[in-house]
């Protein structure tokens, strides 16, 4: 039955520009705004900035809260609205299109000084939502501000340049020439840097730029990849983990639960940065109907952020053994020097050849290459190997999860392309022992704490302790060795699927 007076919020119906420029649903905006102190909504002097306006939803929802909060101080409604829109709300749009959309949703008019604008005191069409078309600053083929590729983004006047106003300046304070109490927003996430084959994160630049303005509070929703991985994010991750002004963090491992129909590997999170109050961080982890937290955490406890607080106790228990890491026996990326698309091998064996393991179109296969053609890591050719694919699960969308792809024992001699990492040992028996260890839930659970996206790099194995390779390892043996309790076992096995022989690769 259709409700006759149903009046939907148009901002809940917008299609996203892309997976990188995602419109924020109004209900999510209000969850983010709830992180802020409630007294802000009664402060007629407080100034708010959204430096990444797309639909204008952040400013619109802030206006609603201020309209209610300032009713006693400014009883006359029109006077109150004029004050809020003219003196408290400011935005910087990311494109010309989103500037028009933002003004329409905030001022109820595509021009701030238009006949139907809810604010009567603007003298120009932009009002307090600015947009200026900028050009990138090219240096050695890349933009010195955002890292965009000149090949991709050096465009004509008819196309959007994506030279975002807020981060294409050394002096963001000059845009409005004022101090802001609150900066909020949902920045663009990444840019294609060389024709779309390799994307670079950009959201970190918006967070860093916002901090330069030194607001009292900063709230942004960004991909969670910064917590453990991401191209060029090492310094940003270190800064975030060490920043004790991040007082609240809400993490969604599955982005589709926040942005319906959008896939963002590793999920998304939003946070509250409080300039004047340092301390531990209140962390909430939300997955489906399960809400874990809030719990007080030290973000900088490890070199990456362990997202699930329940896992920290188990990890600490294992680390107290102070054993060597299994990465002592793990190859580096491109150990033999060949990328995943290497094709300099043949399909039929010749005298003096060694088998070469590779993955093409998602399928594993074996080719042959002359031993003399192997010019890198020659000392590893004759080792027994347990090959493991670099591409693992989908980044945690499924629970329980395999986390890693199926292993494959390669006898001596052998080599492989970048599609695989491999554990190297001396004998077949040792390789079988490593393989049994890799298949345990215990092993893959420890990997999952550092693996936030599909790619399983060498560093994701750092917390897996090295064992003696003279036995078949089982979860039961490992749980007993490390004193894992029944409750902890239940938690581990709720997160990690058993790896059986008939499972998919």
Protein backbone atom coordinates (compact mmCIF):
# COMPACT_ATOMS: atom_id res chain seq x y z
CA UNK A 1 0.00 0.00 0.00
CA UNK A 2 1.42 3.41 -1.02
CA UNK A 3 1.39 6.10 1.61
CA UNK A 4 -0.42 9.03 -0.05
CA UNK A 5 1.49 11.78 1.75
CA UNK A 6 4.90 10.13 1.45
CA UNK A 7 7.52 12.77 0.71
CA UNK A 8 10.94 11.13 0.25
CA UNK A 9 14.20 12.88 0.97
CA UNK A 10 15.73 13.34 -2.48
CA UNK A 11 19.23 12.98 -1.03
CA UNK A 12 18.47 9.34 -0.18
CA UNK A 13 17.79 8.65 -3.85
CA UNK A 14 20.96 9.94 -5.53
CA UNK A 15 23.12 7.61 -7.59
CA UNK A 16 26.79 7.84 -6.70
CA UNK A 17 29.22 9.59 -9.01
CA UNK A 18 31.60 6.62 -8.70
CA UNK A 19 33.00 4.30 -6.04
CA UNK A 20 35.50 7.06 -5.27
CA UNK A 21 33.07 9.98 -4.98
CA UNK A 22 30.23 8.61 -2.93
CA UNK A 23 27.15 10.58 -1.86
CA UNK A 24 26.58 10.32 1.88
CA UNK A 25 23.11 9.15 3.01
CA UNK A 26 21.37 11.58 5.43
CA UNK A 27 21.05 8.94 8.16
CA UNK A 28 24.82 8.33 8.06
CA UNK A 29 25.49 12.08 8.16
CA UNK A 30 23.47 12.33 11.35
CA UNK A 31 25.36 9.43 12.93
CA UNK A 32 28.58 11.32 12.20
CA UNK A 33 27.19 14.60 13.55
CA UNK A 34 26.14 12.78 16.71
CA UNK A 35 29.84 12.44 17.55
CA UNK A 36 30.00 16.21 18.12
CA UNK A 37 29.15 17.86 21.46
CA UNK A 38 25.45 18.70 21.62
CA UNK A 39 26.12 22.22 22.90
CA UNK A 40 27.44 23.18 19.46
CA UNK A 41 23.88 23.30 18.13
CA UNK A 42 23.07 26.10 20.61
CA UNK A 43 26.16 28.15 19.80
CA UNK A 44 25.28 30.96 17.38
CA UNK A 45 28.97 31.82 16.96
CA UNK A 46 30.08 28.31 15.89
CA UNK A 47 31.25 28.02 12.30
CA UNK A 48 31.02 24.82 10.24
CA UNK A 49 32.88 23.89 7.05
CA UNK A 50 32.31 21.05 4.62
CA UNK A 51 35.36 21.28 2.31
CA UNK A 52 34.14 18.45 0.06
CA UNK A 53 30.52 19.28 -0.75
CA UNK A 54 28.82 16.82 -3.08
CA UNK A 55 25.10 16.93 -2.27
CA UNK A 56 25.25 19.51 0.52
CA UNK A 57 23.77 16.99 2.95
CA UNK A 58 26.22 17.72 5.79
CA UNK A 59 25.43 21.45 5.72
CA UNK A 60 21.73 20.79 5.36
CA UNK A 61 21.60 18.51 8.40
CA UNK A 62 23.74 20.93 10.43
CA UNK A 63 21.31 23.72 9.50
CA UNK A 64 18.40 21.64 10.85
CA UNK A 65 20.17 21.15 14.17
CA UNK A 66 21.13 24.81 14.49
CA UNK A 67 17.60 25.90 13.57
CA UNK A 68 16.26 23.88 16.50
CA UNK A 69 19.09 24.72 18.88
CA UNK A 70 18.99 28.50 18.35
CA UNK A 71 15.23 28.91 18.52
CA UNK A 72 15.26 30.50 21.98
CA UNK A 73 18.19 32.80 21.22
CA UNK A 74 16.78 33.96 17.86
CA UNK A 75 13.00 33.41 18.08
CA UNK A 76 12.10 34.93 14.71
CA UNK A 77 12.50 32.08 12.21
CA UNK A 78 13.60 34.02 9.13
CA UNK A 79 16.09 36.04 11.10
CA UNK A 80 17.40 32.78 12.59
CA UNK A 81 17.76 31.16 9.16
CA UNK A 82 19.48 34.22 7.74
CA UNK A 83 21.98 34.12 10.59
CA UNK A 84 22.66 30.37 10.27
CA UNK A 85 23.17 30.29 6.52
CA UNK A 86 25.09 33.55 6.25
CA UNK A 87 27.29 33.34 9.35
CA UNK A 88 27.66 29.70 10.36
CA UNK A 89 27.62 27.36 7.35
CA UNK A 90 30.38 27.20 4.73
CA UNK A 91 31.21 24.76 1.98
CA UNK A 92 33.69 24.07 -0.81
CA UNK A 93 32.28 21.97 -3.64
CA UNK A 94 34.36 19.29 -5.37
CA UNK A 95 33.01 20.01 -8.88
CA UNK A 96 30.81 22.58 -10.61
CA UNK A 97 27.97 20.06 -10.75
CA UNK A 98 28.11 19.33 -7.03
CA UNK A 99 28.26 23.06 -6.25
CA UNK A 100 24.88 23.48 -7.97
CA UNK A 101 23.46 20.40 -6.26
CA UNK A 102 24.73 21.52 -2.86
CA UNK A 103 23.25 25.01 -3.15
CA UNK A 104 19.94 23.53 -4.23
CA UNK A 105 19.76 21.20 -1.22
CA UNK A 106 21.11 23.71 1.32
CA UNK A 107 19.51 26.98 0.14
CA UNK A 108 16.54 25.37 -1.67
CA UNK A 109 17.67 27.36 -4.71
CA UNK A 110 20.38 26.78 -7.31
CA UNK A 111 21.60 30.29 -6.56
CA UNK A 112 22.14 31.50 -3.00
CA UNK A 113 20.63 34.93 -3.77
CA UNK A 114 17.75 33.56 -5.81
CA UNK A 115 14.07 34.35 -5.33
CA UNK A 116 13.38 31.07 -3.53
CA UNK A 117 16.51 30.91 -1.37
CA UNK A 118 15.80 30.27 2.31
CA UNK A 119 18.42 32.91 3.13
CA UNK A 120 17.54 36.51 2.26
CA UNK A 121 20.91 38.15 2.86
CA UNK A 122 23.28 36.68 0.23
CA UNK A 123 24.43 39.11 -2.42
CA UNK A 124 25.93 36.64 -4.90
CA UNK A 125 24.93 33.35 -6.49
CA UNK A 126 27.52 31.16 -4.75
CA UNK A 127 26.66 32.23 -1.22
CA UNK A 128 28.85 30.32 1.23
CA UNK A 129 29.30 27.29 -1.03
CA UNK A 130 32.29 28.07 -3.21
CA UNK A 131 33.66 26.42 -6.32
CA UNK A 132 36.44 27.64 -8.59
CA UNK A 133 37.66 25.65 -11.55
CA UNK A 134 41.36 25.04 -10.94
CA UNK A 135 44.15 23.51 -12.95
CA UNK A 136 46.59 20.96 -11.63
CA UNK A 137 50.16 22.05 -11.00
CA UNK A 138 52.20 19.68 -13.15
CA UNK A 139 55.67 18.62 -12.09
CA UNK A 140 57.41 15.67 -13.75
CA UNK A 141 54.11 14.42 -15.15
CA UNK A 142 52.19 14.54 -11.87
CA UNK A 143 50.28 17.17 -9.90
CA UNK A 144 52.43 18.42 -7.04
CA UNK A 145 49.33 18.77 -4.83
CA UNK A 146 47.32 15.58 -5.40
CA UNK A 147 49.58 13.27 -7.43
CA UNK A 148 47.19 13.08 -10.41
CA UNK A 149 48.70 11.93 -13.70
CA UNK A 150 49.09 14.61 -16.36
CA UNK A 151 48.30 12.00 -19.02
CA UNK A 152 44.90 11.38 -17.43
CA UNK A 153 43.83 14.73 -15.97
CA UNK A 154 45.32 17.40 -18.24
CA UNK A 155 41.95 18.04 -19.86
CA UNK A 156 40.15 20.60 -21.96
CA UNK A 157 37.67 23.15 -20.65
CA UNK A 158 34.70 20.88 -21.36
CA UNK A 159 35.85 18.16 -18.95
CA UNK A 160 36.14 18.16 -15.17
CA UNK A 161 39.78 18.33 -14.01
CA UNK A 162 39.20 17.04 -10.44
CA UNK A 163 41.66 19.63 -9.17
CA UNK A 164 39.86 19.83 -5.85
CA UNK A 165 39.88 23.37 -4.43
CA UNK A 166 40.56 22.42 -0.82
CA UNK A 167 43.79 20.52 -1.39
CA UNK A 168 45.20 22.45 -4.35
CA UNK A 169 46.57 25.24 -2.23
CA UNK A 170 49.33 25.71 0.33
CA UNK A 171 47.11 28.09 2.30
CA UNK A 172 43.63 26.60 2.80
CA UNK A 173 42.94 29.32 5.38
CA UNK A 174 42.88 31.86 2.54
CA UNK A 175 39.74 30.34 1.00
CA UNK A 176 37.44 31.79 3.67
CA UNK A 177 39.90 33.75 5.84
CA UNK A 178 38.31 32.61 9.09
CA UNK A 179 38.61 30.06 11.89
CA UNK A 180 36.26 27.09 11.92
CA UNK A 181 34.95 25.28 14.95
CA UNK A 182 33.98 22.15 13.00
CA UNK A 183 35.13 20.61 9.72
CA UNK A 184 33.07 17.67 8.43
CA UNK A 185 32.76 15.76 5.18
CA UNK A 186 33.16 12.73 2.96
CA UNK A 187 36.17 13.38 0.71
CA UNK A 188 36.90 11.76 -2.67
CA UNK A 189 38.75 8.51 -2.07
CA UNK A 190 41.23 8.02 -4.91
CA UNK A 191 42.44 9.10 -8.35
CA UNK A 192 43.62 7.09 -11.32
CA UNK A 193 47.30 7.95 -11.60
CA UNK A 194 48.40 6.39 -14.88
CA UNK A 195 45.48 5.67 -17.13
CA UNK A 196 43.33 3.78 -14.65
CA UNK A 197 45.60 0.78 -14.09
CA UNK A 198 46.90 2.04 -10.78
CA UNK A 199 44.90 4.23 -8.40
CA UNK A 200 46.33 6.42 -5.67
CA UNK A 201 44.53 7.35 -2.44
CA UNK A 202 43.61 10.99 -2.04
CA UNK A 203 41.34 11.07 1.03
CA UNK A 204 44.37 11.33 3.31
CA UNK A 205 45.26 14.68 1.75
CA UNK A 206 41.86 16.11 2.74
CA UNK A 207 42.29 14.94 6.34
CA UNK A 208 45.78 16.43 6.55
CA UNK A 209 44.64 19.70 4.98
CA UNK A 210 41.71 19.97 7.39
CA UNK A 211 44.07 19.59 10.34
CA UNK A 212 46.10 22.51 9.02
CA UNK A 213 43.08 24.74 9.63
CA UNK A 214 43.18 23.66 13.29
CA UNK A 215 39.43 23.41 13.92
CA UNK A 216 38.09 22.48 17.34
CA UNK A 217 36.58 19.33 15.85
CA UNK A 218 37.12 17.31 12.69
CA UNK A 219 34.84 14.50 11.48
CA UNK A 220 35.31 12.69 8.18
CA UNK A 221 34.26 9.37 6.72
CA UNK A 222 37.06 7.67 4.78
CA UNK A 223 38.09 4.18 3.58
CA UNK A 224 39.51 1.97 6.33
CA UNK A 225 42.45 0.83 4.21
CA UNK A 226 44.71 3.32 5.99
CA UNK A 227 44.59 1.12 9.09
CA UNK A 228 46.80 -1.61 7.64
CA UNK A 229 47.57 -1.09 3.95
CA UNK A 230 47.23 1.18 0.97
CA UNK A 231 49.58 2.66 -1.60
CA UNK A 232 51.44 5.67 -0.22
CA UNK A 233 49.62 5.63 3.13
CA UNK A 234 52.45 4.62 5.47
CA UNK A 235 53.09 8.15 6.73
CA UNK A 236 49.36 8.92 7.00
CA UNK A 237 48.77 5.69 8.95
CA UNK A 238 51.61 6.50 11.34
CA UNK A 239 50.25 10.02 11.88
CA UNK A 240 46.71 8.78 12.52
CA UNK A 241 47.77 6.02 14.90
CA UNK A 242 49.94 8.40 16.92
CA UNK A 243 47.36 11.21 17.06
CA UNK A 244 45.79 11.10 20.51
CA UNK A 245 43.25 13.72 19.47
CA UNK A 246 41.28 11.04 17.60
CA UNK A 247 38.81 10.32 20.39
CA UNK A 248 36.12 8.31 18.59
CA UNK A 249 36.31 5.85 15.69
CA UNK A 250 33.41 3.94 14.13
CA UNK A 251 34.50 1.18 11.74
CA UNK A 252 32.43 -0.73 9.16
CA UNK A 253 34.42 -3.64 7.63
CA UNK A 254 31.79 -3.98 4.90
CA UNK A 255 31.25 -0.66 3.10
CA UNK A 256 28.08 -1.90 1.41
CA UNK A 257 26.36 -1.75 4.79
CA UNK A 258 26.91 2.02 4.80
CA UNK A 259 26.87 2.90 1.09
CA UNK A 260 24.37 0.52 -0.51
CA UNK A 261 25.56 -0.83 -3.84
CA UNK A 262 29.09 0.48 -3.43
CA UNK A 263 32.13 -1.76 -3.02
CA UNK A 264 35.07 -0.24 -1.15
CA UNK A 265 37.69 -2.85 -0.36
CA UNK A 266 38.45 -2.93 3.35
CA UNK A 267 35.34 -1.03 4.42
CA UNK A 268 34.94 2.52 5.69
CA UNK A 269 35.20 4.37 8.97
CA UNK A 270 34.43 7.77 10.44
CA UNK A 271 36.12 9.52 13.32
CA UNK A 272 36.04 12.47 15.71
CA UNK A 273 39.25 14.49 16.09
CA UNK A 274 39.11 16.76 19.14
CA UNK A 275 41.80 19.43 19.09
CA UNK A 276 41.70 20.29 22.78
CA UNK A 277 41.34 16.84 24.34
CA UNK A 278 43.93 14.11 24.01
CA UNK A 279 43.51 10.57 25.27
CA UNK A 280 42.57 7.05 24.27
CA UNK A 281 40.09 6.41 21.48
CA UNK A 282 36.58 5.04 21.83
CA UNK A 283 36.25 2.40 19.09
CA UNK A 284 33.08 0.82 17.74
CA UNK A 285 33.13 -1.99 15.16
CA UNK A 286 29.86 -2.60 13.29
CA UNK A 287 29.15 -5.57 11.05
CA UNK A 288 25.57 -6.27 10.07
CA UNK A 289 23.50 -6.39 13.25
CA UNK A 290 26.55 -6.95 15.45
CA UNK A 291 27.94 -3.90 17.25
CA UNK A 292 31.14 -4.41 19.21
CA UNK A 293 32.05 -1.55 21.52
CA UNK A 294 32.52 1.14 22.40
CA UNK A 295 35.80 0.15 24.00
CA UNK A 296 38.76 2.33 24.90
CA UNK A 297 41.75 1.62 22.64
CA UNK A 298 45.22 3.01 22.08
CA UNK A 299 45.35 3.45 18.31
CA UNK A 300 49.13 3.38 18.21
CA UNK A 301 49.57 0.14 20.13
CA UNK A 302 50.91 -1.64 17.03
CA UNK A 303 52.30 -0.53 13.67
CA UNK A 304 48.85 -1.14 12.15
CA UNK A 305 45.39 -0.90 13.71
CA UNK A 306 43.81 -4.19 14.80
CA UNK A 307 40.19 -3.45 13.96
CA UNK A 308 38.47 -5.98 16.19
CA UNK A 309 39.12 -5.37 19.88
CA UNK A 310 38.38 -8.99 20.77
CA UNK A 311 41.35 -10.08 18.68
CA UNK A 312 43.84 -7.90 20.58
CA UNK A 313 43.85 -10.07 23.70
CA UNK A 314 44.54 -13.19 21.62
CA UNK A 315 47.30 -11.46 19.67
CA UNK A 316 49.02 -10.23 22.82
CA UNK A 317 48.93 -13.73 24.27
CA UNK A 318 50.72 -15.12 21.20
CA UNK A 319 53.25 -12.28 21.04
CA UNK A 320 54.35 -12.93 24.63
CA UNK A 321 56.06 -16.10 23.36
CA UNK A 322 58.51 -13.83 21.51
CA UNK A 323 59.04 -16.31 18.71
CA UNK A 324 60.54 -15.55 15.32
CA UNK A 325 58.07 -14.65 12.57
CA UNK A 326 57.31 -17.03 9.75
CA UNK A 327 58.41 -14.31 7.32
CA UNK A 328 61.93 -15.62 7.99
CA UNK A 329 60.93 -18.38 5.56
CA UNK A 330 58.80 -16.23 3.23
CA UNK A 331 59.77 -14.81 -0.15
CA UNK A 332 59.59 -11.15 -1.06
CA UNK A 333 57.38 -9.69 -3.78
CA UNK A 334 58.67 -10.67 -7.26
CA UNK A 335 61.31 -12.90 -5.68
CA UNK A 336 62.49 -14.12 -9.07
CA UNK A 337 61.95 -10.75 -10.72
CA UNK A 338 58.92 -11.61 -12.86
CA UNK A 339 55.60 -9.73 -12.70
CA UNK A 340 52.25 -11.52 -12.79
CA UNK A 341 51.91 -10.98 -16.55
CA UNK A 342 55.33 -12.44 -17.37
CA UNK A 343 55.15 -14.56 -20.52
CA UNK A 344 58.79 -15.36 -21.26
CA UNK A 345 58.39 -19.11 -20.72
CA UNK A 346 57.30 -22.10 -22.82
CA UNK A 347 54.71 -24.83 -22.34
CA UNK A 348 56.82 -27.89 -23.13
CA UNK A 349 59.79 -28.96 -21.02
CA UNK A 350 63.28 -28.80 -22.52
CA UNK A 351 66.53 -30.09 -21.16
CA UNK A 352 67.81 -27.84 -18.38
CA UNK A 353 64.39 -26.32 -17.67
CA UNK A 354 62.75 -25.72 -14.30
CA UNK A 355 58.98 -25.52 -13.78
CA UNK A 356 57.52 -22.01 -13.49
CA UNK A 357 54.26 -21.58 -11.57
CA UNK A 358 51.95 -18.75 -12.57
CA UNK A 359 48.32 -17.61 -12.49
CA UNK A 360 46.49 -16.37 -15.58
CA UNK A 361 42.83 -15.33 -15.76
CA UNK A 362 42.36 -16.64 -12.23
CA UNK A 363 43.68 -20.13 -13.02
CA UNK A 364 46.95 -21.71 -11.90
CA UNK A 365 49.24 -23.31 -14.43
CA UNK A 366 52.84 -24.48 -14.93
CA UNK A 367 55.22 -23.44 -17.69
CA UNK A 368 58.92 -24.09 -18.22
CA UNK A 369 61.95 -21.86 -18.32
CA UNK A 370 65.68 -22.51 -18.69
CA UNK A 371 67.52 -22.42 -15.37
CA UNK A 372 70.06 -20.03 -16.91
CA UNK A 373 67.20 -17.53 -17.53
CA UNK A 374 66.69 -17.16 -13.77
CA UNK A 375 68.84 -14.19 -12.80
CA UNK A 376 67.42 -13.29 -9.41
CA UNK A 377 67.31 -15.30 -6.14
CA UNK A 378 69.05 -18.23 -7.81
CA UNK A 379 69.77 -19.70 -4.37
CA UNK A 380 66.03 -20.39 -3.89
CA UNK A 381 65.50 -22.42 -7.06
CA UNK A 382 66.33 -25.74 -5.40
CA UNK A 383 64.32 -25.14 -2.22
CA UNK A 384 61.01 -26.90 -1.64
CA UNK A 385 58.25 -24.32 -1.67
CA UNK A 386 54.73 -23.82 -0.41
CA UNK A 387 53.28 -21.41 -2.96
CA UNK A 388 50.54 -19.07 -1.73
CA UNK A 389 48.56 -16.69 -3.98
CA UNK A 390 48.97 -12.97 -3.26
CA UNK A 391 45.28 -12.38 -3.97
CA UNK A 392 43.22 -13.81 -1.14
CA UNK A 393 39.64 -13.22 -0.07
CA UNK A 394 37.42 -10.29 -0.97
CA UNK A 395 38.65 -8.20 1.94
CA UNK A 396 36.35 -9.60 4.59
CA UNK A 397 32.84 -9.32 3.10
CA UNK A 398 32.10 -12.94 4.00
CA UNK A 399 32.11 -14.15 7.58
CA UNK A 400 33.49 -16.68 8.25
CA UNK A 401 36.23 -16.12 5.69
CA UNK A 402 39.07 -18.14 4.17
CA UNK A 403 41.29 -14.99 4.28
CA UNK A 404 43.91 -16.65 2.07
CA UNK A 405 43.90 -18.71 -1.11
CA UNK A 406 44.76 -22.42 -1.18
CA UNK A 407 48.48 -23.32 -0.88
CA UNK A 408 50.37 -25.44 -3.37
CA UNK A 409 53.52 -27.47 -2.73
CA UNK A 410 56.16 -27.03 -5.44
CA UNK A 411 58.98 -29.56 -5.29
CA UNK A 412 62.61 -28.70 -5.89
CA UNK A 413 63.56 -27.19 -8.32
CA UNK A 414 60.92 -24.56 -9.14
CA UNK A 415 60.29 -20.84 -9.68
CA UNK A 416 57.19 -18.64 -9.88
CA UNK A 417 55.86 -15.25 -10.99
CA UNK A 418 54.69 -12.38 -8.81
CA UNK A 419 51.27 -14.05 -8.57
CA UNK A 420 52.69 -16.14 -5.71
CA UNK A 421 54.63 -15.63 -2.54
CA UNK A 422 56.20 -18.78 -1.18
CA UNK A 423 57.53 -20.33 2.01
CA UNK A 424 60.84 -22.07 1.37
CA UNK A 425 62.23 -25.12 3.24
CA UNK A 426 64.69 -27.92 2.57
CA UNK A 427 62.58 -31.06 2.28
CA UNK A 428 59.21 -32.39 1.17
CA UNK A 429 58.32 -33.28 4.77
CA UNK A 430 59.03 -29.74 5.93
CA UNK A 431 56.92 -28.34 3.08
CA UNK A 432 54.02 -30.56 4.11
CA UNK A 433 54.37 -29.31 7.70
CA UNK A 434 54.28 -25.67 6.55
CA UNK A 435 51.24 -26.42 4.38
CA UNK A 436 49.38 -27.97 7.34
CA UNK A 437 50.18 -24.88 9.45
CA UNK A 438 49.01 -22.50 6.71
CA UNK A 439 45.64 -24.27 6.50
CA UNK A 440 44.85 -23.88 10.21
CA UNK A 441 42.32 -21.30 11.36
CA UNK A 442 44.94 -20.13 13.87
CA UNK A 443 47.40 -19.21 11.10
CA UNK A 444 44.86 -17.45 8.91
CA UNK A 445 43.32 -15.61 11.87
CA UNK A 446 46.66 -13.97 12.63
CA UNK A 447 47.04 -13.03 8.97
CA UNK A 448 43.53 -11.53 8.95
CA UNK A 449 44.52 -8.99 11.61
CA UNK A 450 46.95 -7.37 9.17
CA UNK A 451 45.13 -8.10 5.91
CA UNK A 452 42.46 -5.50 5.23
CA UNK A 453 42.04 -5.90 1.45
CA UNK A 454 42.36 -8.65 -1.14
CA UNK A 455 46.13 -8.43 -1.52
CA UNK A 456 48.15 -10.57 0.92
CA UNK A 457 51.56 -8.91 1.04
CA UNK A 458 54.59 -10.23 2.89
CA UNK A 459 53.93 -7.94 5.87
CA UNK A 460 50.50 -9.47 6.47
CA UNK A 461 52.28 -12.62 7.77
CA UNK A 462 54.38 -10.72 10.33
CA UNK A 463 52.45 -11.87 13.42
CA UNK A 464 52.39 -15.56 12.46
CA UNK A 465 54.99 -17.30 14.68
CA UNK A 466 57.50 -19.66 13.14
CA UNK A 467 57.14 -23.33 14.15
CA UNK A 468 59.25 -26.47 13.95
CA UNK A 469 58.63 -28.20 10.62
CA UNK A 470 58.66 -31.79 11.92
CA UNK A 471 54.95 -32.39 12.48
CA UNK A 472 51.51 -31.98 10.94
CA UNK A 473 50.05 -28.86 12.55
CA UNK A 474 46.43 -28.71 13.63
CA UNK A 475 44.38 -26.07 15.35
CA UNK A 476 44.12 -28.29 18.41
CA UNK A 477 47.91 -28.43 18.78
CA UNK A 478 48.25 -24.68 18.32
CA UNK A 479 45.40 -23.75 20.67
CA UNK A 480 46.99 -25.92 23.36
CA UNK A 481 50.49 -24.51 22.79
CA UNK A 482 49.37 -20.89 23.09
CA UNK A 483 46.74 -21.36 25.80
CA UNK A 484 43.79 -20.24 23.67
CA UNK A 485 40.59 -20.46 25.72
CA UNK A 486 37.31 -22.01 24.57
CA UNK A 487 35.75 -18.56 24.21
CA UNK A 488 38.73 -17.39 22.14
CA UNK A 489 38.56 -20.52 19.97
CA UNK A 490 34.89 -19.86 19.34
CA UNK A 491 35.69 -16.29 18.30
CA UNK A 492 38.54 -17.34 15.98
CA UNK A 493 36.41 -19.99 14.31
CA UNK A 494 33.48 -17.61 13.92
CA UNK A 495 35.78 -15.44 11.81
CA UNK A 496 37.76 -18.05 9.85
CA UNK A 497 36.43 -20.88 7.68
CA UNK A 498 38.15 -24.28 7.72
CA UNK A 499 40.25 -24.84 4.59
CA UNK A 500 39.39 -28.22 3.13
CA UNK A 501 40.88 -29.97 0.11
CA UNK A 502 37.73 -29.47 -1.97
CA UNK A 503 37.47 -25.75 -1.26
CA UNK A 504 37.76 -23.36 -4.20
CA UNK A 505 41.16 -21.83 -4.89
